[in-house]
Amino acid sequence: MYSCAGICSYDRGGLCDIALSEPLLKLRPRKDLIETLLHEMIHAYLFVTCRDQDRDGHGPNFKEHMYRINKAAGLNISIYHDFHDEVELYKTHWWRCNGPCHTMKPHFGIVRRSTNRA
């Protein structure tokens, strides 16, 4: 994973799987790793306890636990990460559109990806 720091997925049997992005998180302080893991653990907790599969994933139940943990532990668990520089670092594959988008702002037809999808 090169664009998200972590993800929590659910299976029909009621189990959760948390995956963390080593490429992104190895460039960040340990505190970011802990906060990312706790973020994903809130998703897992809500799924296991009340089958919360909110597609946005960051509804009132999520925020309640996020604020509670932040206050109790002095952390800054958030809804979205700000690891934009790290995400950009891994976008080493790029293409230029030869259609009409090559003259359009803001990217002028340039597409950057972390993996080669060509």
C-alpha atoms as a PDB file:
ATOM      1  CA  MET A   1       0.000   0.000   0.000  1.00  0.00           C
ATOM      2  CA  TYR A   2       1.447   3.303  -1.072  1.00  0.00           C
ATOM      3  CA  SER A   3      -1.440   5.747  -0.804  1.00  0.00           C
ATOM      4  CA  CYS A   4      -3.081   4.817   2.498  1.00  0.00           C
ATOM      5  CA  ALA A   5      -1.343   4.231   5.806  1.00  0.00           C
ATOM      6  CA  GLY A   6      -3.653   1.436   6.908  1.00  0.00           C
ATOM      7  CA  ILE A   7      -6.799  -0.476   6.087  1.00  0.00           C
ATOM      8  CA  CYS A   8      -9.233  -2.637   8.024  1.00  0.00           C
ATOM      9  CA  SER A   9     -11.129  -5.242   6.028  1.00  0.00           C
ATOM     10  CA  TYR A  10     -13.922  -7.526   7.155  1.00  0.00           C
ATOM     11  CA  ASP A  11     -14.961 -10.987   6.095  1.00  0.00           C
ATOM     12  CA  ARG A  12     -18.379 -12.614   6.188  1.00  0.00           C
ATOM     13  CA  GLY A  13     -17.337 -14.816   9.085  1.00  0.00           C
ATOM     14  CA  GLY A  14     -17.081 -11.768  11.328  1.00  0.00           C
ATOM     15  CA  LEU A  15     -13.305 -11.478  11.371  1.00  0.00           C
ATOM     16  CA  CYS A  16     -11.264  -8.355  10.709  1.00  0.00           C
ATOM     17  CA  ASP A  17      -7.856  -7.949   9.148  1.00  0.00           C
ATOM     18  CA  ILE A  18      -5.746  -4.847   9.698  1.00  0.00           C
ATOM     19  CA  ALA A  19      -2.980  -4.085   7.218  1.00  0.00           C
ATOM     20  CA  LEU A  20      -0.491  -1.255   7.677  1.00  0.00           C
ATOM     21  CA  SER A  21       1.660   0.302   4.973  1.00  0.00           C
ATOM     22  CA  GLU A  22       5.283  -0.407   5.809  1.00  0.00           C
ATOM     23  CA  PRO A  23       6.562   1.774   2.928  1.00  0.00           C
ATOM     24  CA  LEU A  24       4.690   4.845   4.203  1.00  0.00           C
ATOM     25  CA  LEU A  25       4.987   4.293   7.931  1.00  0.00           C
ATOM     26  CA  LYS A  26       8.707   3.481   7.946  1.00  0.00           C
ATOM     27  CA  LEU A  27       9.301   7.082   6.869  1.00  0.00           C
ATOM     28  CA  ARG A  28       7.216   8.480   9.728  1.00  0.00           C
ATOM     29  CA  PRO A  29       7.730   8.803  13.499  1.00  0.00           C
ATOM     30  CA  ARG A  30       6.638   5.873  15.690  1.00  0.00           C
ATOM     31  CA  LYS A  31       3.738   8.002  16.990  1.00  0.00           C
ATOM     32  CA  ASP A  32       2.200   7.956  13.486  1.00  0.00           C
ATOM     33  CA  LEU A  33       2.421   4.158  13.404  1.00  0.00           C
ATOM     34  CA  ILE A  34       0.640   3.915  16.765  1.00  0.00           C
ATOM     35  CA  GLU A  35      -2.066   6.395  15.759  1.00  0.00           C
ATOM     36  CA  THR A  36      -2.620   4.622  12.433  1.00  0.00           C
ATOM     37  CA  LEU A  37      -2.925   1.247  14.162  1.00  0.00           C
ATOM     38  CA  LEU A  38      -5.376   2.669  16.708  1.00  0.00           C
ATOM     39  CA  HIS A  39      -7.385   4.253  13.873  1.00  0.00           C
ATOM     40  CA  GLU A  40      -7.750   0.862  12.188  1.00  0.00           C
ATOM     41  CA  MET A  41      -8.464  -0.828  15.531  1.00  0.00           C
ATOM     42  CA  ILE A  42     -11.434   1.508  16.053  1.00  0.00           C
ATOM     43  CA  HIS A  43     -12.830   0.314  12.704  1.00  0.00           C
ATOM     44  CA  ALA A  44     -12.297  -3.312  13.762  1.00  0.00           C
ATOM     45  CA  TYR A  45     -13.883  -2.737  17.176  1.00  0.00           C
ATOM     46  CA  LEU A  46     -16.978  -1.139  15.664  1.00  0.00           C
ATOM     47  CA  PHE A  47     -17.358  -3.952  13.157  1.00  0.00           C
ATOM     48  CA  VAL A  48     -16.948  -6.724  15.734  1.00  0.00           C
ATOM     49  CA  THR A  49     -19.193  -5.121  18.375  1.00  0.00           C
ATOM     50  CA  CYS A  50     -21.987  -3.693  16.226  1.00  0.00           C
ATOM     51  CA  ARG A  51     -21.269  -4.788  12.633  1.00  0.00           C
ATOM     52  CA  ASP A  52     -20.643  -1.149  11.761  1.00  0.00           C
ATOM     53  CA  GLN A  53     -19.865  -1.174   8.039  1.00  0.00           C
ATOM     54  CA  ASP A  54     -20.503   2.505   7.422  1.00  0.00           C
ATOM     55  CA  ARG A  55     -19.135   3.073   3.910  1.00  0.00           C
ATOM     56  CA  ASP A  56     -17.643   6.406   4.944  1.00  0.00           C
ATOM     57  CA  GLY A  57     -16.279   4.602   7.980  1.00  0.00           C
ATOM     58  CA  HIS A  58     -15.869   7.747  10.048  1.00  0.00           C
ATOM     59  CA  GLY A  59     -19.354   8.376  11.367  1.00  0.00           C
ATOM     60  CA  PRO A  60     -20.390   9.438  14.870  1.00  0.00           C
ATOM     61  CA  ASN A  61     -19.491   6.080  16.481  1.00  0.00           C
ATOM     62  CA  PHE A  62     -15.978   6.214  15.053  1.00  0.00           C
ATOM     63  CA  LYS A  63     -15.488   9.849  16.086  1.00  0.00           C
ATOM     64  CA  GLU A  64     -16.730   9.169  19.620  1.00  0.00           C
ATOM     65  CA  HIS A  65     -14.057   6.503  20.158  1.00  0.00           C
ATOM     66  CA  MET A  66     -11.406   8.564  18.367  1.00  0.00           C
ATOM     67  CA  TYR A  67     -12.002  11.609  20.598  1.00  0.00           C
ATOM     68  CA  ARG A  68     -12.170   9.431  23.736  1.00  0.00           C
ATOM     69  CA  ILE A  69      -8.839   7.722  22.999  1.00  0.00           C
ATOM     70  CA  ASN A  70      -7.166  10.991  21.980  1.00  0.00           C
ATOM     71  CA  LYS A  71      -8.228  12.631  25.240  1.00  0.00           C
ATOM     72  CA  ALA A  72      -7.255   9.688  27.457  1.00  0.00           C
ATOM     73  CA  ALA A  73      -3.900   8.990  25.804  1.00  0.00           C
ATOM     74  CA  GLY A  74      -2.866  12.448  24.603  1.00  0.00           C
ATOM     75  CA  LEU A  75      -2.781  11.245  20.997  1.00  0.00           C
ATOM     76  CA  ASN A  76      -3.915  12.746  17.719  1.00  0.00           C
ATOM     77  CA  ILE A  77      -5.769   9.934  15.954  1.00  0.00           C
ATOM     78  CA  SER A  78      -7.436  11.551  12.952  1.00  0.00           C
ATOM     79  CA  ILE A  79      -9.733  10.583  10.128  1.00  0.00           C
ATOM     80  CA  TYR A  80      -7.223  11.189   7.343  1.00  0.00           C
ATOM     81  CA  HIS A  81      -3.442  11.076   7.246  1.00  0.00           C
ATOM     82  CA  ASP A  82      -1.261  13.917   6.047  1.00  0.00           C
ATOM     83  CA  PHE A  83       1.584  11.800   4.686  1.00  0.00           C
ATOM     84  CA  HIS A  84       1.349  13.516   1.292  1.00  0.00           C
ATOM     85  CA  ASP A  85       5.103  13.883   0.780  1.00  0.00           C
ATOM     86  CA  GLU A  86       5.618  10.183   1.493  1.00  0.00           C
ATOM     87  CA  VAL A  87       2.820   9.187  -0.915  1.00  0.00           C
ATOM     88  CA  GLU A  88       4.368  11.355  -3.647  1.00  0.00           C
ATOM     89  CA  LEU A  89       7.793   9.830  -3.029  1.00  0.00           C
ATOM     90  CA  TYR A  90       6.511   6.430  -4.185  1.00  0.00           C
ATOM     91  CA  LYS A  91       4.853   7.729  -7.349  1.00  0.00           C
ATOM     92  CA  THR A  92       7.775   6.853  -9.597  1.00  0.00           C
ATOM     93  CA  HIS A  93       5.819   5.733 -12.669  1.00  0.00           C
ATOM     94  CA  TRP A  94       4.317   8.430 -14.862  1.00  0.00           C
ATOM     95  CA  TRP A  95       2.552   8.783 -18.183  1.00  0.00           C
ATOM     96  CA  ARG A  96       1.474  11.704 -20.298  1.00  0.00           C
ATOM     97  CA  CYS A  97      -1.908  11.674 -21.981  1.00  0.00           C
ATOM     98  CA  ASN A  98      -1.811  12.186 -25.744  1.00  0.00           C
ATOM     99  CA  GLY A  99      -5.486  13.113 -25.829  1.00  0.00           C
ATOM    100  CA  PRO A 100      -7.244  16.374 -24.992  1.00  0.00           C
ATOM    101  CA  CYS A 101      -6.327  16.226 -21.291  1.00  0.00           C
ATOM    102  CA  HIS A 102      -2.669  17.093 -22.008  1.00  0.00           C
ATOM    103  CA  THR A 103      -3.648  20.766 -22.171  1.00  0.00           C
ATOM    104  CA  MET A 104      -5.877  20.780 -19.064  1.00  0.00           C
ATOM    105  CA  LYS A 105      -4.939  22.085 -15.650  1.00  0.00           C
ATOM    106  CA  PRO A 106      -3.836  21.156 -13.053  1.00  0.00           C
ATOM    107  CA  HIS A 107      -1.760  18.170 -14.234  1.00  0.00           C
ATOM    108  CA  PHE A 108      -1.666  18.775 -18.006  1.00  0.00           C
ATOM    109  CA  GLY A 109      -2.211  15.098 -18.758  1.00  0.00           C
ATOM    110  CA  ILE A 110       0.505  13.741 -16.489  1.00  0.00           C
ATOM    111  CA  VAL A 111      -0.542  10.729 -14.413  1.00  0.00           C
ATOM    112  CA  ARG A 112       1.717   9.515 -11.598  1.00  0.00           C
ATOM    113  CA  ARG A 113       1.342   6.132  -9.892  1.00  0.00           C
ATOM    114  CA  SER A 114       3.286   4.091  -7.360  1.00  0.00           C
ATOM    115  CA  THR A 115       2.939   0.945  -9.485  1.00  0.00           C
ATOM    116  CA  ASN A 116       3.296   0.419 -13.217  1.00  0.00           C
ATOM    117  CA  ARG A 117      -0.212  -0.288 -14.494  1.00  0.00           C
ATOM    118  CA  ALA A 118       0.703  -0.089 -18.168  1.00  0.00           C
END
